[in-house]
Protein backbone atom coordinates (compact mmCIF):
# COMPACT_ATOMS: atom_id res chain seq x y z
CA MET A 1 59.39 -50.23 29.24
CA LEU A 2 62.72 -48.48 29.76
CA GLY A 3 61.84 -45.77 27.23
CA LEU A 4 58.57 -44.92 29.05
CA SER A 5 60.30 -44.50 32.41
CA ALA A 6 62.96 -42.24 30.81
CA ILE A 7 60.25 -40.01 29.36
CA SER A 8 58.43 -39.91 32.71
CA ALA A 9 61.66 -38.91 34.48
CA PHE A 10 62.31 -36.26 31.81
CA GLU A 11 58.82 -34.81 32.35
CA GLY A 12 59.37 -34.80 36.11
CA ALA A 13 62.57 -32.83 35.62
CA TRP A 14 60.70 -30.20 33.61
CA VAL A 15 58.03 -29.90 36.26
CA ALA A 16 60.68 -29.44 38.93
CA PHE A 17 62.48 -26.87 36.75
CA PHE A 18 59.36 -24.81 36.12
CA SER A 19 58.33 -25.05 39.76
CA CYS A 20 61.69 -23.63 40.79
CA LEU A 21 61.40 -20.94 38.15
CA VAL A 22 57.95 -19.89 39.46
CA VAL A 23 59.24 -19.80 43.04
CA MET A 24 62.23 -17.70 41.97
CA LEU A 25 59.98 -15.29 40.06
CA LEU A 26 57.64 -14.87 43.00
CA SER A 27 60.60 -14.29 45.35
CA TYR A 28 62.00 -11.69 42.99
CA MET A 29 58.65 -9.87 42.83
CA ALA A 30 58.22 -9.90 46.58
CA GLY A 31 61.82 -8.65 47.07
CA SER A 32 61.30 -5.87 44.52
CA TYR A 33 58.16 -4.70 46.33
CA PHE A 34 59.93 -4.83 49.69
CA ALA A 35 62.97 -2.90 48.35
CA SER A 36 60.83 -0.24 46.72
CA TYR A 37 58.62 0.23 49.82
CA ILE A 38 61.35 0.57 52.48
CA PRO A 39 63.03 3.73 51.17
CA HIS A 40 59.67 5.56 51.27
CA ALA A 41 58.52 4.23 54.63
CA HIS A 42 59.87 7.15 56.66
CA LEU A 43 59.95 9.95 54.08
CA ARG A 44 56.40 10.87 54.99
CA ASP A 45 57.82 12.22 58.27
CA PHE A 46 59.58 14.90 56.19
CA HIS A 47 56.89 15.83 53.65
CA SER A 48 56.15 19.25 55.17
CA ALA A 49 59.85 20.22 55.26
CA LEU A 50 60.36 19.00 51.70
CA ASP A 51 57.27 20.89 50.52
CA HIS A 52 58.85 24.09 51.91
CA GLY A 53 62.01 23.49 49.85
CA GLU A 54 64.21 22.30 52.67
CA VAL A 55 66.97 19.81 51.95
CA LEU A 56 66.91 16.32 53.42
CA LEU A 57 70.23 14.60 53.82
CA LEU A 58 70.14 10.91 54.77
CA VAL A 59 73.43 9.55 56.00
CA ASP A 60 74.02 5.89 56.82
CA VAL A 61 76.83 5.71 59.40
CA PRO A 62 77.61 3.45 62.35
CA LYS A 63 76.40 4.74 65.72
CA TRP A 64 79.96 5.32 66.91
CA GLN A 65 80.50 7.81 64.04
CA LEU A 66 77.42 9.90 64.71
CA PRO A 67 79.17 12.56 66.89
CA ASP A 68 81.89 13.09 64.26
CA VAL A 69 79.41 13.38 61.41
CA ASP A 70 77.20 15.71 63.46
CA LYS A 71 80.20 17.91 64.24
CA GLU A 72 81.23 18.13 60.57
CA ILE A 73 77.75 18.98 59.40
CA ARG A 74 77.33 21.68 62.06
CA LYS A 75 80.79 23.11 61.23
CA ARG A 76 79.93 23.49 57.55
CA HIS A 77 76.21 24.28 57.90
CA PRO A 78 75.41 25.87 61.28
CA GLU A 79 71.77 26.42 60.19
CA ALA A 80 71.25 22.68 59.72
CA SER A 81 69.19 20.59 62.10
CA CYS A 82 70.73 17.20 62.84
CA ASP A 83 68.68 14.30 64.18
CA ALA A 84 69.90 10.78 64.59
CA VAL A 85 67.32 8.13 64.03
CA GLY A 86 67.83 4.37 63.80
CA TRP A 87 65.63 2.85 61.13
CA MET A 88 65.92 -0.86 60.90
CA SER A 89 63.16 -3.39 60.71
CA GLN A 90 60.75 -0.95 62.35
CA ALA A 91 60.10 0.33 58.86
CA LEU A 92 57.96 -2.73 58.27
CA HIS A 93 55.58 -1.83 61.07
CA THR A 94 54.40 1.49 59.68
């Protein structure tokens, strides 16, 4: 009787292990999809400029640093157009 309960517990451990493995795999796949979608969510705003050979520079800086970065870019490239846009979770609503 003891041997049968040990086998049953062993089988239950394998079921739990494979269940966790399936959940981890599904989480990884969902995360991969999310991570690959987000970088492209707002690039469609710039397709016409990119098609004309313009350069797109994406800079991730804190809001308090925006004036300094804008000043440096304008100093080195006066022809550049600088726009500050905050993209956070709004990327999911496109």
